[in-house]
Amino acid sequence: MAATVAVLIGFFIVPALAQTTPTSTPLRVRGTVEKLDGQNLTVKSRDGQSLTIALAANVIVSYLTKKTVADIKTGDFVASTGAKGTDGQVHAIEVRIFPENLRGVGEGQYPWDLKPDSIMTNATVGTITKSPQGNVLKVSYKGAESEFTIDPDTPVYGTAIDGDTSLLKPGAAVFVIAQKQDDGKLASARLYAGRAWIEGYSGA
């Protein structure tokens, strides 16, 4: 359980790198693995760049468990990346159900970098209603309310689980939280493998 807490908190609070104390803004790298050579990971980012990232010796590689919209209950604390559809409503790109011990992590609604005007919402589920477009979740956070639609094909995920570098095969989707070092090179102590991270969190 402690490992799971560290994984999810690490998503919102960038962990200190083993090599040095971070002095720059974290760089979120979304893309696919080109190769892993020892502790050097080369990623083809979504903007077409080929980036090499030095992984810490104790790097944590995490992935998400799959859930369904039926697993979402009133009172759950959830996170979702969303964007407005042609109907003017916010539609979830993906939804993640947090375990109870992570209630409140990253709470709020704020801009995200998946696509233009996308937002991240971390909030408590109030009502769940059905509409022709899918399930509509009304959520609350820090005294405010919002709602978003979960379309029938929107992926839903649960707890993040620690894996290892065997997940970093060529072509695998990854989301890397990296820091630029004094020498200009990138380094990371934590990354996330699987399509969910590149689409939603991962954010993209």
N, C-alpha and C. Protein backbone atom coordinates (compact mmCIF):
# COMPACT_ATOMS: atom_id res chain seq x y z
N MET A 1 0.82 -1.21 0.00
CA MET A 1 0.00 0.00 0.00
C MET A 1 0.86 1.25 0.00
N ALA A 2 1.95 1.25 0.78
CA ALA A 2 2.83 2.42 0.82
C ALA A 2 3.38 2.73 -0.56
N ALA A 3 3.68 1.68 -1.34
CA ALA A 3 4.22 1.89 -2.68
C ALA A 3 3.18 2.56 -3.57
N THR A 4 1.92 2.14 -3.43
CA THR A 4 0.86 2.73 -4.23
C THR A 4 0.69 4.21 -3.90
N VAL A 5 0.74 4.55 -2.62
CA VAL A 5 0.64 5.95 -2.20
C VAL A 5 1.74 6.77 -2.84
N ALA A 6 2.96 6.25 -2.80
CA ALA A 6 4.10 6.98 -3.38
C ALA A 6 3.92 7.18 -4.87
N VAL A 7 3.38 6.16 -5.55
CA VAL A 7 3.20 6.26 -7.00
C VAL A 7 2.25 7.38 -7.37
N LEU A 8 1.09 7.41 -6.72
CA LEU A 8 0.08 8.38 -7.10
C LEU A 8 0.40 9.78 -6.62
N ILE A 9 0.95 9.92 -5.43
CA ILE A 9 1.36 11.23 -4.98
C ILE A 9 2.47 11.75 -5.87
N GLY A 10 3.33 10.86 -6.30
CA GLY A 10 4.43 11.25 -7.17
C GLY A 10 3.96 11.80 -8.49
N PHE A 11 2.75 11.46 -8.87
CA PHE A 11 2.22 11.99 -10.13
C PHE A 11 1.97 13.48 -10.03
N PHE A 12 1.54 13.92 -8.84
CA PHE A 12 1.21 15.33 -8.66
C PHE A 12 2.34 16.12 -8.03
N ILE A 13 3.18 15.46 -7.25
CA ILE A 13 4.32 16.11 -6.64
C ILE A 13 5.56 15.42 -7.14
N VAL A 14 6.31 16.08 -8.00
CA VAL A 14 7.44 15.44 -8.65
C VAL A 14 8.47 15.03 -7.61
N PRO A 15 8.88 13.74 -7.59
CA PRO A 15 9.84 13.28 -6.60
C PRO A 15 11.23 13.81 -6.86
N ALA A 16 12.00 13.92 -5.81
CA ALA A 16 13.39 14.32 -5.97
C ALA A 16 14.15 13.24 -6.70
N LEU A 17 14.97 13.65 -7.63
CA LEU A 17 15.77 12.69 -8.36
C LEU A 17 16.94 12.23 -7.51
N ALA A 18 17.32 10.99 -7.72
CA ALA A 18 18.40 10.43 -6.93
C ALA A 18 19.72 11.12 -7.20
N GLN A 19 19.92 11.61 -8.44
CA GLN A 19 21.23 12.11 -8.81
C GLN A 19 21.52 13.49 -8.23
N THR A 20 20.48 14.36 -8.13
CA THR A 20 20.74 15.74 -7.73
C THR A 20 19.43 16.39 -7.33
N THR A 21 19.51 17.50 -6.65
CA THR A 21 18.32 18.24 -6.27
C THR A 21 17.80 19.01 -7.47
N PRO A 22 16.51 18.85 -7.85
CA PRO A 22 15.98 19.54 -9.02
C PRO A 22 16.05 21.05 -8.86
N THR A 23 16.44 21.74 -9.91
CA THR A 23 16.49 23.20 -9.87
C THR A 23 15.67 23.81 -11.00
N SER A 24 15.04 22.98 -11.82
CA SER A 24 14.28 23.46 -12.96
C SER A 24 12.86 22.92 -12.92
N THR A 25 12.00 23.50 -13.75
CA THR A 25 10.62 23.04 -13.85
C THR A 25 10.59 21.63 -14.43
N PRO A 26 9.82 20.71 -13.83
CA PRO A 26 9.75 19.35 -14.37
C PRO A 26 9.27 19.36 -15.82
N LEU A 27 9.79 18.45 -16.60
CA LEU A 27 9.39 18.30 -17.99
C LEU A 27 8.55 17.04 -18.10
N ARG A 28 7.32 17.17 -18.60
CA ARG A 28 6.46 16.00 -18.79
C ARG A 28 6.65 15.51 -20.22
N VAL A 29 7.16 14.30 -20.34
CA VAL A 29 7.43 13.72 -21.65
C VAL A 29 6.43 12.61 -21.92
N ARG A 30 5.63 12.76 -22.98
CA ARG A 30 4.68 11.73 -23.38
C ARG A 30 5.07 11.22 -24.75
N GLY A 31 5.09 9.92 -24.91
CA GLY A 31 5.47 9.37 -26.21
C GLY A 31 5.59 7.88 -26.15
N THR A 32 6.43 7.32 -27.00
CA THR A 32 6.63 5.87 -27.06
C THR A 32 8.12 5.56 -26.95
N VAL A 33 8.38 4.41 -26.38
CA VAL A 33 9.76 3.97 -26.19
C VAL A 33 10.39 3.62 -27.54
N GLU A 34 11.58 4.16 -27.78
CA GLU A 34 12.38 3.74 -28.93
C GLU A 34 13.34 2.64 -28.52
N LYS A 35 14.02 2.84 -27.37
CA LYS A 35 14.92 1.79 -26.87
C LYS A 35 15.29 2.09 -25.43
N LEU A 36 15.70 1.05 -24.74
CA LEU A 36 16.25 1.16 -23.40
C LEU A 36 17.64 0.54 -23.44
N ASP A 37 18.66 1.38 -23.22
CA ASP A 37 20.05 0.93 -23.26
C ASP A 37 20.64 1.13 -21.88
N GLY A 38 20.68 0.05 -21.10
CA GLY A 38 21.12 0.18 -19.71
C GLY A 38 20.12 1.02 -18.95
N GLN A 39 20.58 2.17 -18.41
CA GLN A 39 19.69 3.09 -17.70
C GLN A 39 19.32 4.30 -18.55
N ASN A 40 19.61 4.24 -19.83
CA ASN A 40 19.28 5.33 -20.73
C ASN A 40 18.06 4.97 -21.57
N LEU A 41 17.00 5.72 -21.38
CA LEU A 41 15.74 5.47 -22.09
C LEU A 41 15.58 6.52 -23.19
N THR A 42 15.37 6.06 -24.42
CA THR A 42 15.12 6.96 -25.53
C THR A 42 13.64 6.92 -25.88
N VAL A 43 13.01 8.09 -25.86
CA VAL A 43 11.57 8.20 -26.08
C VAL A 43 11.30 9.08 -27.29
N LYS A 44 10.42 8.62 -28.16
CA LYS A 44 9.93 9.44 -29.27
C LYS A 44 8.73 10.20 -28.73
N SER A 45 8.91 11.49 -28.46
CA SER A 45 7.84 12.26 -27.84
C SER A 45 6.72 12.53 -28.84
N ARG A 46 5.57 12.91 -28.34
CA ARG A 46 4.41 13.11 -29.21
C ARG A 46 4.60 14.27 -30.17
N ASP A 47 5.59 15.17 -29.89
CA ASP A 47 5.84 16.26 -30.83
C ASP A 47 6.94 15.91 -31.82
N GLY A 48 7.38 14.63 -31.83
CA GLY A 48 8.33 14.16 -32.83
C GLY A 48 9.78 14.16 -32.41
N GLN A 49 10.09 14.73 -31.24
CA GLN A 49 11.47 14.73 -30.77
C GLN A 49 11.88 13.37 -30.24
N SER A 50 13.15 13.05 -30.42
CA SER A 50 13.73 11.85 -29.83
C SER A 50 14.55 12.29 -28.63
N LEU A 51 14.12 11.91 -27.43
CA LEU A 51 14.74 12.36 -26.19
C LEU A 51 15.35 11.18 -25.44
N THR A 52 16.56 11.37 -24.93
CA THR A 52 17.21 10.35 -24.12
C THR A 52 17.18 10.80 -22.66
N ILE A 53 16.69 9.93 -21.80
CA ILE A 53 16.49 10.25 -20.39
C ILE A 53 17.26 9.24 -19.55
N ALA A 54 18.11 9.74 -18.65
CA ALA A 54 18.86 8.87 -17.74
C ALA A 54 17.95 8.47 -16.59
N LEU A 55 17.75 7.17 -16.41
CA LEU A 55 16.89 6.67 -15.35
C LEU A 55 17.71 6.42 -14.09
N ALA A 56 17.14 6.77 -12.95
CA ALA A 56 17.80 6.50 -11.68
C ALA A 56 17.95 4.98 -11.49
N ALA A 57 18.94 4.59 -10.72
CA ALA A 57 19.18 3.15 -10.49
C ALA A 57 17.96 2.49 -9.87
N ASN A 58 17.23 3.25 -9.05
CA ASN A 58 16.03 2.71 -8.39
C ASN A 58 14.75 3.26 -9.02
N VAL A 59 14.79 3.51 -10.33
CA VAL A 59 13.64 4.08 -11.01
C VAL A 59 12.37 3.25 -10.78
N ILE A 60 11.25 3.95 -10.61
CA ILE A 60 9.95 3.29 -10.42
C ILE A 60 9.16 3.39 -11.72
N VAL A 61 8.72 2.25 -12.23
CA VAL A 61 7.91 2.19 -13.45
C VAL A 61 6.54 1.67 -13.04
N SER A 62 5.50 2.46 -13.25
CA SER A 62 4.16 2.10 -12.79
C SER A 62 3.19 1.95 -13.95
N TYR A 63 2.13 1.19 -13.69
CA TYR A 63 1.06 1.01 -14.68
C TYR A 63 -0.27 0.98 -13.94
N LEU A 64 -1.37 1.14 -14.68
CA LEU A 64 -2.69 1.24 -14.08
C LEU A 64 -3.52 -0.02 -14.26
N THR A 65 -4.35 -0.33 -13.26
CA THR A 65 -5.31 -1.42 -13.37
C THR A 65 -6.56 -0.89 -14.08
N LYS A 66 -7.22 -1.76 -14.82
CA LYS A 66 -8.41 -1.36 -15.57
C LYS A 66 -9.68 -1.51 -14.73
N LYS A 67 -10.58 -0.55 -14.87
CA LYS A 67 -11.88 -0.57 -14.23
C LYS A 67 -12.94 -0.25 -15.28
N THR A 68 -14.20 -0.18 -14.85
CA THR A 68 -15.29 0.22 -15.74
C THR A 68 -16.07 1.35 -15.07
N VAL A 69 -16.92 2.01 -15.83
CA VAL A 69 -17.70 3.11 -15.27
C VAL A 69 -18.61 2.60 -14.16
N ALA A 70 -18.98 1.33 -14.20
CA ALA A 70 -19.84 0.76 -13.15
C ALA A 70 -19.13 0.71 -11.80
N ASP A 71 -17.80 0.81 -11.81
CA ASP A 71 -17.04 0.78 -10.56
C ASP A 71 -17.03 2.13 -9.85
N ILE A 72 -17.48 3.18 -10.53
CA ILE A 72 -17.50 4.51 -9.93
C ILE A 72 -18.75 4.68 -9.08
N LYS A 73 -18.57 5.04 -7.80
CA LYS A 73 -19.68 5.18 -6.87
C LYS A 73 -19.72 6.59 -6.30
N THR A 74 -20.91 7.00 -5.85
CA THR A 74 -21.04 8.26 -5.14
C THR A 74 -20.11 8.26 -3.93
N GLY A 75 -19.36 9.35 -3.77
CA GLY A 75 -18.43 9.45 -2.66
C GLY A 75 -17.00 9.10 -3.02
N ASP A 76 -16.79 8.47 -4.19
CA ASP A 76 -15.43 8.15 -4.63
C ASP A 76 -14.66 9.43 -4.94
N PHE A 77 -13.35 9.38 -4.73
CA PHE A 77 -12.48 10.48 -5.14
C PHE A 77 -11.85 10.06 -6.46
N VAL A 78 -12.09 10.86 -7.50
CA VAL A 78 -11.65 10.49 -8.84
C VAL A 78 -10.82 11.62 -9.46
N ALA A 79 -10.06 11.26 -10.48
CA ALA A 79 -9.31 12.22 -11.27
C ALA A 79 -9.66 12.00 -12.73
N SER A 80 -9.80 13.09 -13.46
CA SER A 80 -10.14 12.96 -14.87
C SER A 80 -9.54 14.09 -15.69
N THR A 81 -8.99 13.73 -16.83
CA THR A 81 -8.62 14.72 -17.83
C THR A 81 -9.80 14.85 -18.79
N GLY A 82 -10.20 16.07 -19.09
CA GLY A 82 -11.35 16.26 -19.96
C GLY A 82 -11.16 17.43 -20.92
N ALA A 83 -12.06 17.50 -21.87
CA ALA A 83 -12.05 18.60 -22.84
C ALA A 83 -13.49 18.83 -23.29
N LYS A 84 -13.80 20.06 -23.69
CA LYS A 84 -15.16 20.36 -24.13
C LYS A 84 -15.44 19.73 -25.48
N GLY A 85 -16.63 19.13 -25.60
CA GLY A 85 -17.07 18.55 -26.85
C GLY A 85 -17.84 19.57 -27.67
N THR A 86 -18.36 19.13 -28.81
CA THR A 86 -19.13 20.03 -29.68
C THR A 86 -20.44 20.46 -29.03
N ASP A 87 -20.86 19.71 -27.99
CA ASP A 87 -22.08 20.07 -27.27
C ASP A 87 -21.83 21.10 -26.18
N GLY A 88 -20.56 21.53 -26.02
CA GLY A 88 -20.23 22.52 -25.02
C GLY A 88 -19.99 21.95 -23.63
N GLN A 89 -20.17 20.64 -23.47
CA GLN A 89 -19.97 19.99 -22.19
C GLN A 89 -18.56 19.39 -22.10
N VAL A 90 -18.05 19.27 -20.87
CA VAL A 90 -16.75 18.64 -20.67
C VAL A 90 -16.91 17.12 -20.77
N HIS A 91 -16.13 16.50 -21.63
CA HIS A 91 -16.14 15.05 -21.79
C HIS A 91 -14.82 14.48 -21.30
N ALA A 92 -14.91 13.45 -20.49
CA ALA A 92 -13.70 12.84 -19.93
C ALA A 92 -12.92 12.12 -21.02
N ILE A 93 -11.63 12.31 -21.03
CA ILE A 93 -10.74 11.54 -21.91
C ILE A 93 -10.36 10.25 -21.22
N GLU A 94 -10.22 10.30 -19.93
CA GLU A 94 -10.05 9.12 -19.09
C GLU A 94 -10.39 9.48 -17.66
N VAL A 95 -10.71 8.47 -16.86
CA VAL A 95 -11.07 8.67 -15.46
C VAL A 95 -10.27 7.69 -14.61
N ARG A 96 -9.83 8.16 -13.44
CA ARG A 96 -9.10 7.30 -12.53
C ARG A 96 -9.75 7.34 -11.16
N ILE A 97 -10.01 6.17 -10.58
CA ILE A 97 -10.59 6.07 -9.25
C ILE A 97 -9.45 5.92 -8.24
N PHE A 98 -9.36 6.86 -7.29
CA PHE A 98 -8.31 6.79 -6.28
C PHE A 98 -8.73 5.90 -5.12
N PRO A 99 -7.78 5.19 -4.51
CA PRO A 99 -8.08 4.48 -3.28
C PRO A 99 -8.36 5.48 -2.16
N GLU A 100 -9.05 5.06 -1.13
CA GLU A 100 -9.49 5.96 -0.07
C GLU A 100 -8.33 6.70 0.60
N ASN A 101 -7.18 6.02 0.75
CA ASN A 101 -6.05 6.66 1.43
C ASN A 101 -5.40 7.77 0.61
N LEU A 102 -5.86 7.96 -0.63
CA LEU A 102 -5.34 9.05 -1.46
C LEU A 102 -6.40 10.14 -1.70
N ARG A 103 -7.47 10.09 -0.92
CA ARG A 103 -8.50 11.11 -1.05
C ARG A 103 -7.88 12.49 -0.83
N GLY A 104 -8.15 13.41 -1.75
CA GLY A 104 -7.66 14.77 -1.62
C GLY A 104 -6.39 15.08 -2.37
N VAL A 105 -5.71 14.04 -2.90
CA VAL A 105 -4.47 14.29 -3.64
C VAL A 105 -4.74 15.11 -4.90
N GLY A 106 -4.07 16.24 -5.03
CA GLY A 106 -4.22 17.08 -6.22
C GLY A 106 -5.61 17.65 -6.39
N GLU A 107 -6.38 17.77 -5.30
CA GLU A 107 -7.78 18.20 -5.40
C GLU A 107 -7.90 19.56 -6.08
N GLY A 108 -8.86 19.66 -6.99
CA GLY A 108 -9.12 20.91 -7.68
C GLY A 108 -9.35 20.68 -9.16
N GLN A 109 -9.51 21.77 -9.88
CA GLN A 109 -9.68 21.73 -11.34
C GLN A 109 -8.75 22.78 -11.94
N TYR A 110 -7.92 22.34 -12.88
CA TYR A 110 -6.90 23.23 -13.41
C TYR A 110 -6.54 22.83 -14.84
N PRO A 111 -5.94 23.76 -15.60
CA PRO A 111 -5.56 23.46 -16.98
C PRO A 111 -4.58 22.29 -17.05
N TRP A 112 -4.67 21.52 -18.12
CA TRP A 112 -3.76 20.41 -18.34
C TRP A 112 -3.22 20.50 -19.76
N ASP A 113 -2.15 19.75 -20.02
CA ASP A 113 -1.44 19.94 -21.29
C ASP A 113 -1.67 18.82 -22.30
N LEU A 114 -2.76 18.08 -22.15
CA LEU A 114 -3.03 17.00 -23.09
C LEU A 114 -3.34 17.55 -24.48
N LYS A 115 -4.23 18.52 -24.51
CA LYS A 115 -4.62 19.17 -25.77
C LYS A 115 -5.08 20.57 -25.42
N PRO A 116 -5.25 21.44 -26.42
CA PRO A 116 -5.69 22.80 -26.12
C PRO A 116 -6.98 22.82 -25.29
N ASP A 117 -6.96 23.60 -24.22
CA ASP A 117 -8.13 23.81 -23.36
C ASP A 117 -8.56 22.58 -22.58
N SER A 118 -7.69 21.57 -22.48
CA SER A 118 -8.04 20.41 -21.64
C SER A 118 -7.83 20.77 -20.18
N ILE A 119 -8.56 20.09 -19.30
CA ILE A 119 -8.48 20.36 -17.87
C ILE A 119 -8.33 19.06 -17.09
N MET A 120 -7.76 19.18 -15.90
CA MET A 120 -7.67 18.06 -14.97
C MET A 120 -8.62 18.35 -13.82
N THR A 121 -9.44 17.38 -13.46
CA THR A 121 -10.37 17.53 -12.34
C THR A 121 -10.15 16.41 -11.34
N ASN A 122 -9.75 16.76 -10.12
CA ASN A 122 -9.61 15.79 -9.03
C ASN A 122 -10.65 16.16 -7.98
N ALA A 123 -11.65 15.32 -7.80
CA ALA A 123 -12.80 15.73 -7.00
C ALA A 123 -13.57 14.52 -6.48
N THR A 124 -14.52 14.80 -5.60
CA THR A 124 -15.37 13.76 -5.02
C THR A 124 -16.67 13.65 -5.81
N VAL A 125 -17.05 12.42 -6.13
CA VAL A 125 -18.26 12.18 -6.92
C VAL A 125 -19.50 12.43 -6.07
N GLY A 126 -20.43 13.24 -6.61
CA GLY A 126 -21.71 13.46 -5.96
C GLY A 126 -22.77 12.58 -6.61
N THR A 127 -23.45 13.11 -7.62
CA THR A 127 -24.47 12.33 -8.32
C THR A 127 -23.93 11.77 -9.63
N ILE A 128 -24.51 10.65 -10.02
CA ILE A 128 -24.19 10.02 -11.30
C ILE A 128 -25.50 9.81 -12.03
N THR A 129 -25.64 10.46 -13.18
CA THR A 129 -26.86 10.32 -13.96
C THR A 129 -26.54 9.88 -15.37
N LYS A 130 -27.51 9.29 -16.01
CA LYS A 130 -27.32 8.82 -17.38
C LYS A 130 -27.87 9.83 -18.37
N SER A 131 -27.20 9.94 -19.51
CA SER A 131 -27.66 10.80 -20.58
C SER A 131 -27.43 10.08 -21.89
N PRO A 132 -27.96 10.56 -22.99
CA PRO A 132 -27.73 9.90 -24.28
C PRO A 132 -26.25 9.79 -24.63
N GLN A 133 -25.43 10.71 -24.09
CA GLN A 133 -23.99 10.70 -24.40
C GLN A 133 -23.20 9.79 -23.48
N GLY A 134 -23.77 9.43 -22.34
CA GLY A 134 -23.05 8.58 -21.39
C GLY A 134 -23.43 8.95 -19.96
N ASN A 135 -22.57 8.58 -19.00
CA ASN A 135 -22.82 8.89 -17.60
C ASN A 135 -22.27 10.28 -17.28
N VAL A 136 -23.09 11.09 -16.61
CA VAL A 136 -22.68 12.44 -16.21
C VAL A 136 -22.37 12.43 -14.72
N LEU A 137 -21.14 12.80 -14.38
CA LEU A 137 -20.72 12.86 -12.99
C LEU A 137 -20.73 14.31 -12.52
N LYS A 138 -21.46 14.58 -11.45
CA LYS A 138 -21.35 15.88 -10.79
C LYS A 138 -20.37 15.69 -9.65
N VAL A 139 -19.34 16.51 -9.59
CA VAL A 139 -18.28 16.35 -8.61
C VAL A 139 -18.06 17.64 -7.84
N SER A 140 -17.43 17.53 -6.66
CA SER A 140 -17.15 18.71 -5.85
C SER A 140 -15.70 18.70 -5.40
N TYR A 141 -15.14 19.91 -5.28
CA TYR A 141 -13.76 20.06 -4.84
C TYR A 141 -13.59 21.44 -4.22
N LYS A 142 -13.05 21.48 -3.04
CA LYS A 142 -12.72 22.75 -2.37
C LYS A 142 -13.87 23.75 -2.39
N GLY A 143 -15.09 23.27 -2.15
CA GLY A 143 -16.24 24.15 -2.09
C GLY A 143 -16.86 24.49 -3.43
N ALA A 144 -16.28 23.99 -4.52
CA ALA A 144 -16.82 24.25 -5.85
C ALA A 144 -17.40 22.97 -6.44
N GLU A 145 -18.18 23.11 -7.50
CA GLU A 145 -18.77 21.96 -8.18
C GLU A 145 -18.49 22.03 -9.68
N SER A 146 -18.48 20.86 -10.29
CA SER A 146 -18.32 20.76 -11.73
C SER A 146 -18.98 19.47 -12.17
N GLU A 147 -19.04 19.25 -13.46
CA GLU A 147 -19.54 17.98 -13.96
C GLU A 147 -18.89 17.66 -15.29
N PHE A 148 -18.81 16.38 -15.57
CA PHE A 148 -18.28 15.95 -16.86
C PHE A 148 -18.96 14.66 -17.28
N THR A 149 -18.94 14.41 -18.58
CA THR A 149 -19.58 13.23 -19.14
C THR A 149 -18.54 12.15 -19.41
N ILE A 150 -18.88 10.93 -19.02
CA ILE A 150 -18.03 9.77 -19.33
C ILE A 150 -18.69 9.07 -20.51
N ASP A 151 -18.12 9.23 -21.68
CA ASP A 151 -18.66 8.59 -22.87
C ASP A 151 -18.52 7.08 -22.77
N PRO A 152 -19.30 6.32 -23.54
CA PRO A 152 -19.24 4.85 -23.47
C PRO A 152 -17.85 4.27 -23.71
N ASP A 153 -17.04 4.96 -24.51
CA ASP A 153 -15.71 4.41 -24.81
C ASP A 153 -14.59 5.06 -23.99
N THR A 154 -14.96 5.85 -22.97
CA THR A 154 -13.95 6.48 -22.12
C THR A 154 -13.31 5.43 -21.21
N PRO A 155 -11.99 5.30 -21.20
CA PRO A 155 -11.35 4.32 -20.32
C PRO A 155 -11.40 4.76 -18.86
N VAL A 156 -11.58 3.79 -17.97
CA VAL A 156 -11.61 4.03 -16.53
C VAL A 156 -10.53 3.16 -15.90
N TYR A 157 -9.77 3.74 -14.96
CA TYR A 157 -8.66 3.02 -14.35
C TYR A 157 -8.73 3.11 -12.84
N GLY A 158 -8.04 2.17 -12.19
CA GLY A 158 -7.98 2.16 -10.73
C GLY A 158 -6.56 2.40 -10.26
N THR A 159 -6.17 1.63 -9.27
CA THR A 159 -4.89 1.82 -8.59
C THR A 159 -3.69 1.64 -9.52
N ALA A 160 -2.68 2.48 -9.30
CA ALA A 160 -1.40 2.31 -9.99
C ALA A 160 -0.57 1.27 -9.26
N ILE A 161 0.08 0.43 -10.04
CA ILE A 161 0.89 -0.66 -9.48
C ILE A 161 2.33 -0.52 -9.97
N ASP A 162 3.27 -0.79 -9.08
CA ASP A 162 4.68 -0.72 -9.46
C ASP A 162 5.06 -1.94 -10.29
N GLY A 163 5.71 -1.68 -11.43
CA GLY A 163 6.26 -2.76 -12.24
C GLY A 163 7.77 -2.61 -12.27
N ASP A 164 8.37 -2.85 -13.42
CA ASP A 164 9.82 -2.69 -13.54
C ASP A 164 10.14 -2.30 -14.98
N THR A 165 11.42 -2.19 -15.29
CA THR A 165 11.83 -1.72 -16.60
C THR A 165 11.52 -2.70 -17.73
N SER A 166 11.06 -3.91 -17.40
CA SER A 166 10.66 -4.84 -18.45
C SER A 166 9.44 -4.31 -19.21
N LEU A 167 8.74 -3.32 -18.63
CA LEU A 167 7.59 -2.71 -19.30
C LEU A 167 8.02 -1.76 -20.41
N LEU A 168 9.30 -1.40 -20.42
CA LEU A 168 9.78 -0.37 -21.34
C LEU A 168 10.29 -0.97 -22.64
N LYS A 169 9.42 -1.68 -23.31
CA LYS A 169 9.76 -2.29 -24.59
C LYS A 169 9.54 -1.28 -25.73
N PRO A 170 10.27 -1.41 -26.83
CA PRO A 170 10.06 -0.50 -27.96
C PRO A 170 8.58 -0.46 -28.36
N GLY A 171 8.07 0.75 -28.52
CA GLY A 171 6.68 0.92 -28.90
C GLY A 171 5.75 1.14 -27.72
N ALA A 172 6.21 0.87 -26.50
CA ALA A 172 5.37 1.05 -25.33
C ALA A 172 5.11 2.53 -25.08
N ALA A 173 3.88 2.87 -24.74
CA ALA A 173 3.53 4.25 -24.42
C ALA A 173 4.02 4.57 -23.02
N VAL A 174 4.61 5.75 -22.86
CA VAL A 174 5.12 6.15 -21.55
C VAL A 174 4.83 7.62 -21.27
N PHE A 175 4.81 7.92 -19.99
CA PHE A 175 4.71 9.29 -19.50
C PHE A 175 5.83 9.44 -18.49
N VAL A 176 6.79 10.31 -18.77
CA VAL A 176 7.98 10.45 -17.94
C VAL A 176 8.01 11.82 -17.29
N ILE A 177 8.20 11.86 -15.98
CA ILE A 177 8.42 13.12 -15.29
C ILE A 177 9.92 13.29 -15.18
N ALA A 178 10.47 14.22 -15.93
CA ALA A 178 11.92 14.37 -16.03
C ALA A 178 12.37 15.73 -15.51
N GLN A 179 13.65 15.80 -15.16
CA GLN A 179 14.27 17.05 -14.75
C GLN A 179 15.50 17.29 -15.63
N LYS A 180 15.70 18.55 -16.01
CA LYS A 180 16.91 18.89 -16.74
C LYS A 180 18.03 19.15 -15.74
N GLN A 181 19.13 18.44 -15.89
CA GLN A 181 20.26 18.57 -14.99
C GLN A 181 21.15 19.76 -15.38
N ASP A 182 22.13 20.05 -14.53
CA ASP A 182 23.02 21.19 -14.79
C ASP A 182 23.75 21.06 -16.12
N ASP A 183 24.00 19.82 -16.55
CA ASP A 183 24.71 19.61 -17.82
C ASP A 183 23.76 19.60 -19.02
N GLY A 184 22.47 19.87 -18.76
CA GLY A 184 21.49 19.93 -19.85
C GLY A 184 20.82 18.61 -20.16
N LYS A 185 21.29 17.52 -19.55
CA LYS A 185 20.71 16.20 -19.82
C LYS A 185 19.46 15.99 -18.98
N LEU A 186 18.59 15.09 -19.44
CA LEU A 186 17.36 14.78 -18.72
C LEU A 186 17.55 13.56 -17.84
N ALA A 187 16.91 13.58 -16.68
CA ALA A 187 16.98 12.44 -15.75
C ALA A 187 15.61 12.24 -15.12
N SER A 188 15.33 11.01 -14.71
CA SER A 188 14.04 10.70 -14.10
C SER A 188 14.17 9.57 -13.10
N ALA A 189 13.38 9.68 -12.03
CA ALA A 189 13.31 8.62 -11.03
C ALA A 189 11.96 7.92 -11.06
N ARG A 190 11.03 8.42 -11.89
CA ARG A 190 9.69 7.82 -11.95
C ARG A 190 9.10 8.01 -13.34
N LEU A 191 8.48 6.95 -13.85
CA LEU A 191 7.74 7.06 -15.09
C LEU A 191 6.59 6.08 -15.09
N TYR A 192 5.71 6.26 -16.05
CA TYR A 192 4.47 5.51 -16.10
C TYR A 192 4.32 4.89 -17.47
N ALA A 193 4.02 3.62 -17.50
CA ALA A 193 3.91 2.89 -18.76
C ALA A 193 2.45 2.54 -19.03
N GLY A 194 2.08 2.57 -20.31
CA GLY A 194 0.72 2.19 -20.69
C GLY A 194 0.01 3.33 -21.37
N ARG A 195 -0.92 2.99 -22.25
CA ARG A 195 -1.63 3.97 -23.04
C ARG A 195 -2.36 4.99 -22.18
N ALA A 196 -2.81 4.61 -20.98
CA ALA A 196 -3.55 5.54 -20.13
C ALA A 196 -2.75 6.79 -19.82
N TRP A 197 -1.47 6.62 -19.56
CA TRP A 197 -0.65 7.76 -19.16
C TRP A 197 -0.42 8.71 -20.32
N ILE A 198 -0.28 8.18 -21.49
CA ILE A 198 -0.02 9.06 -22.64
C ILE A 198 -1.30 9.74 -23.10
N GLU A 199 -2.46 9.13 -22.86
CA GLU A 199 -3.73 9.71 -23.29
C GLU A 199 -4.27 10.70 -22.27
N GLY A 200 -4.15 10.35 -20.98
CA GLY A 200 -4.80 11.19 -20.00
C GLY A 200 -3.87 12.03 -19.18
N TYR A 201 -2.84 11.50 -18.75
CA TYR A 201 -1.96 12.23 -17.86
C TYR A 201 -0.59 12.42 -18.44
N SER A 202 -1.87 11.95 -18.20
CA SER A 202 -1.26 11.92 -18.74
C SER A 202 -1.21 11.89 -19.22
N GLY A 203 -2.38 13.22 -17.99
CA GLY A 203 -2.42 13.83 -18.67
C GLY A 203 -2.25 13.22 -19.30
N ALA A 204 -1.55 12.64 -21.78
CA ALA A 204 -1.53 12.52 -22.92
C ALA A 204 -0.87 11.52 -22.67
